[in-house]
Protein backbone atom coordinates (compact mmCIF):
# COMPACT_ATOMS: atom_id res chain seq x y z
CA LYS A 1 0.00 0.00 0.00
CA GLY A 2 2.90 2.35 0.69
CA PHE A 3 4.15 2.10 -2.88
CA GLN A 4 0.64 2.52 -4.31
CA THR A 5 0.17 5.60 -2.16
CA LEU A 6 3.36 7.10 -3.60
CA ALA A 7 2.25 6.36 -7.17
CA GLU A 8 0.25 8.78 -9.30
CA CYS A 9 -3.27 9.59 -8.22
CA ASP A 10 -6.33 8.69 -10.28
CA CYS A 11 -7.72 11.81 -11.92
CA PHE A 12 -11.17 12.24 -13.36
CA GLY A 13 -12.31 14.88 -15.83
CA GLN A 14 -15.15 17.26 -15.35
CA ILE A 15 -18.15 15.68 -13.72
CA ASP A 16 -21.35 17.72 -13.58
CA GLY A 17 -19.49 20.89 -14.54
CA LEU A 18 -16.95 20.57 -11.70
CA GLU A 19 -13.22 20.94 -12.16
CA PRO A 20 -11.17 17.75 -12.69
CA GLU A 21 -10.35 16.05 -9.41
CA CYS A 22 -7.65 13.57 -8.39
CA PHE A 23 -7.96 10.86 -5.74
CA LEU A 24 -5.53 8.53 -4.00
CA ARG A 25 -5.55 5.11 -5.70
CA THR A 26 -5.65 3.25 -2.41
CA ASP A 27 -8.48 5.35 -0.95
CA TYR A 28 -10.85 7.44 -3.07
CA GLU A 29 -11.90 9.37 0.02
CA VAL A 30 -8.51 11.11 -0.02
CA THR A 31 -8.25 13.97 -2.50
CA CYS A 32 -4.82 14.52 -4.03
CA ASP A 33 -3.17 17.91 -4.37
CA ASP A 34 -2.63 17.19 -8.07
CA GLU A 35 -2.07 14.23 -10.40
CA ARG A 36 1.31 13.42 -8.84
CA GLY A 37 0.76 13.69 -5.16
CA ALA A 38 -1.25 12.75 -2.14
CA PRO A 39 -1.40 15.16 0.79
CA ALA A 40 1.91 15.57 2.63
CA GLU A 41 0.88 13.64 5.74
CA VAL A 42 -0.28 10.68 3.63
CA ARG A 43 2.97 10.71 1.61
CA ALA A 44 4.98 10.82 4.86
CA ALA A 45 3.14 7.76 6.21
CA ALA A 46 3.70 5.97 2.89
CA TRP A 47 7.44 6.71 3.00
CA VAL A 48 7.64 5.36 6.57
CA THR A 49 5.87 2.19 5.43
CA VAL A 50 8.23 1.77 2.48
CA ALA A 51 11.27 2.46 4.65
CA VAL A 52 10.25 -0.06 7.30
CA TRP A 53 8.94 -2.89 5.14
CA ALA A 54 10.62 -2.52 1.75
CA ILE A 55 14.02 -1.43 2.97
CA GLY A 56 14.17 -2.36 6.65
CA VAL A 57 13.04 -5.99 6.40
CA PRO A 58 15.55 -7.03 3.69
CA LEU A 59 18.30 -5.19 5.56
CA LEU A 60 17.33 -7.02 8.74
CA TYR A 61 17.55 -10.33 6.85
CA VAL A 62 20.99 -9.41 5.54
CA ALA A 63 22.14 -8.33 9.02
CA LEU A 64 20.94 -11.56 10.64
CA LEU A 65 22.48 -13.74 7.94
CA SER A 66 25.75 -11.79 8.06
CA ALA A 67 25.90 -11.99 11.83
CA HIS A 68 25.40 -15.75 11.64
CA ALA A 69 28.04 -16.13 8.91
CA TRP A 70 30.70 -14.08 10.70
CA ARG A 71 29.87 -14.93 14.31
CA PRO A 72 27.66 -18.03 14.45
CA HIS A 73 27.53 -17.96 18.26
CA THR A 74 25.72 -14.58 18.28
CA VAL A 75 22.87 -15.75 16.04
CA PRO A 76 22.48 -19.52 16.25
CA ARG A 77 21.28 -21.35 13.14
CA ALA A 78 18.23 -22.61 15.06
CA ALA A 79 17.07 -18.99 15.44
CA LEU A 80 17.26 -18.53 11.66
CA GLU A 81 15.64 -21.86 10.83
CA ALA A 82 12.24 -20.33 9.99
CA LEU A 83 13.94 -17.92 7.58
CA VAL A 84 16.50 -20.18 5.91
CA GLY A 85 15.62 -23.71 6.95
CA ASP A 86 14.36 -24.85 3.54
CA TYR A 87 17.37 -23.58 1.59
CA LYS A 88 20.65 -25.29 0.83
CA ARG A 89 23.33 -24.25 3.27
CA LEU A 90 25.37 -22.35 0.66
CA LEU A 91 22.25 -20.52 -0.53
CA SER A 92 20.82 -19.56 2.85
CA GLY A 93 20.73 -15.93 1.72
CA TRP A 94 18.21 -16.80 -1.01
CA GLU A 95 15.38 -15.38 1.09
CA VAL A 96 16.81 -11.91 0.46
CA VAL A 97 16.69 -12.57 -3.31
CA ALA A 98 13.09 -13.80 -3.04
CA VAL A 99 12.03 -10.76 -1.00
CA MET A 100 13.73 -8.37 -3.42
CA GLU A 101 11.96 -9.98 -6.40
CA LYS A 102 8.59 -9.65 -4.66
CA LEU A 103 9.31 -6.04 -3.73
CA ALA A 104 10.25 -5.24 -7.31
CA LEU A 105 7.13 -6.89 -8.74
CA VAL A 106 4.51 -5.60 -6.32
CA GLY A 107 6.21 -2.57 -4.83
CA PHE A 108 8.65 -0.59 -6.88
CA LEU A 109 6.82 -1.28 -10.14
CA ALA A 110 3.75 0.44 -8.70
CA LEU A 111 5.72 3.66 -9.07
CA VAL A 112 6.37 3.15 -12.79
CA ASP A 113 3.55 4.67 -14.84
CA PRO A 114 0.78 2.34 -13.57
CA GLY A 115 -1.00 0.35 -16.25
CA SER A 116 1.49 1.30 -18.95
CA TRP A 117 3.47 -0.80 -21.39
CA THR A 118 6.67 0.31 -19.63
CA GLN A 119 5.46 -1.03 -16.30
CA LEU A 120 4.54 -4.38 -17.85
CA PHE A 121 7.82 -4.59 -19.75
CA MET A 122 9.82 -3.96 -16.58
CA GLY A 123 7.71 -6.55 -14.75
CA THR A 124 8.42 -9.04 -17.53
CA ILE A 125 12.16 -8.43 -17.21
CA VAL A 126 12.04 -8.90 -13.42
CA ALA A 127 9.95 -12.09 -13.79
CA LEU A 128 12.34 -13.49 -16.42
CA PHE A 129 15.35 -12.63 -14.28
CA GLY A 130 13.76 -14.30 -11.24
CA PHE A 131 12.91 -17.38 -13.31
CA VAL A 132 16.46 -17.69 -14.64
CA LEU A 133 17.94 -17.32 -11.15
CA GLN A 134 15.50 -19.89 -9.73
CA ALA A 135 16.25 -22.36 -12.54
CA HIS A 136 20.02 -21.87 -12.31
CA PHE A 137 20.51 -22.01 -8.55
CA ALA A 138 17.68 -24.35 -7.44
CA PRO A 139 18.13 -23.02 -3.88
CA TYR A 140 15.86 -25.42 -1.98
CA ARG A 141 17.06 -28.57 -0.26
CA THR A 142 14.41 -30.82 -1.81
CA SER A 143 13.81 -31.30 -5.50
CA SER A 144 10.04 -31.06 -5.00
CA ASP A 145 10.39 -27.58 -3.44
CA ASN A 146 12.66 -26.53 -6.31
CA PHE A 147 10.15 -27.86 -8.83
CA VAL A 148 7.23 -25.95 -7.26
CA ALA A 149 9.31 -22.75 -7.08
CA PHE A 150 10.44 -23.28 -10.69
CA VAL A 151 6.83 -23.69 -11.92
CA ALA A 152 5.61 -20.69 -9.90
CA SER A 153 8.43 -18.54 -11.23
CA LEU A 154 7.83 -19.76 -14.76
CA ALA A 155 4.09 -19.04 -14.50
CA LEU A 156 4.77 -15.33 -14.00
CA VAL A 157 6.50 -15.04 -17.36
CA PRO A 158 3.53 -15.90 -19.64
CA VAL A 159 1.25 -13.79 -17.47
CA PHE A 160 3.45 -10.75 -18.07
CA LEU A 161 4.01 -11.60 -21.74
CA GLY A 162 0.26 -11.99 -22.24
CA SER A 163 -0.34 -8.67 -20.51
CA LEU A 164 2.23 -7.04 -22.78
CA GLY A 165 0.40 -8.51 -25.77
CA LEU A 166 -2.84 -6.98 -24.57
CA GLN A 167 -1.18 -3.57 -24.22
CA VAL A 168 0.23 -3.51 -27.73
CA ARG A 169 -1.91 -1.55 -30.15
CA SER A 170 -0.97 -1.79 -33.79
CA PRO A 171 -1.96 1.07 -36.10
CA HIS A 172 -3.95 -1.37 -38.21
CA HIS A 173 -5.84 -2.78 -35.24
CA LEU A 174 -9.51 -3.13 -36.00
CA PRO A 175 -12.13 -4.01 -33.42
CA CYS A 176 -13.46 -7.56 -33.60
CA THR A 177 -16.68 -7.51 -35.53
CA PHE A 178 -18.45 -10.35 -37.17
CA LEU A 179 -20.12 -9.73 -40.47
CA VAL A 180 -23.12 -11.87 -41.00
CA SER A 181 -24.22 -12.17 -44.58
CA PRO A 182 -27.76 -13.24 -45.48
């Protein structure tokens, strides 16, 4: 929600002779100052949310994993088991990669011209990159977990490619009409 709050507002043209008005995408009860911005207090809360969850959580993961790698006695492996227990020992930092991919797909991309071809193209690149990393590293201990993660990662790619296909408008595009002759 923090990223969506920082994205452009939804603006509507004149309704009943009134001036165009812009509203926050996450809550149409909040009127935006203009197309680009929610009120200052709402933007501040959104930035705090992004800082804590999108930046703070991955940094906390990295700090915990680094502390365990450099001084295992300070952060015992058992304490990290919920975070890294399913990954191969050499790839225990994979959770950071997974979180960053999710943040890119559902967070940062919300800031890139929502609903545009550019946003979908960037999402396709992120999904392809995540798929290639998943296929190459196979970070899970069990082959069944790797297979499920591989299929889930692969499934994102045709979804984004299909969405890109729907966005493309050729100059010769004609609406689908069926001519019925007598």
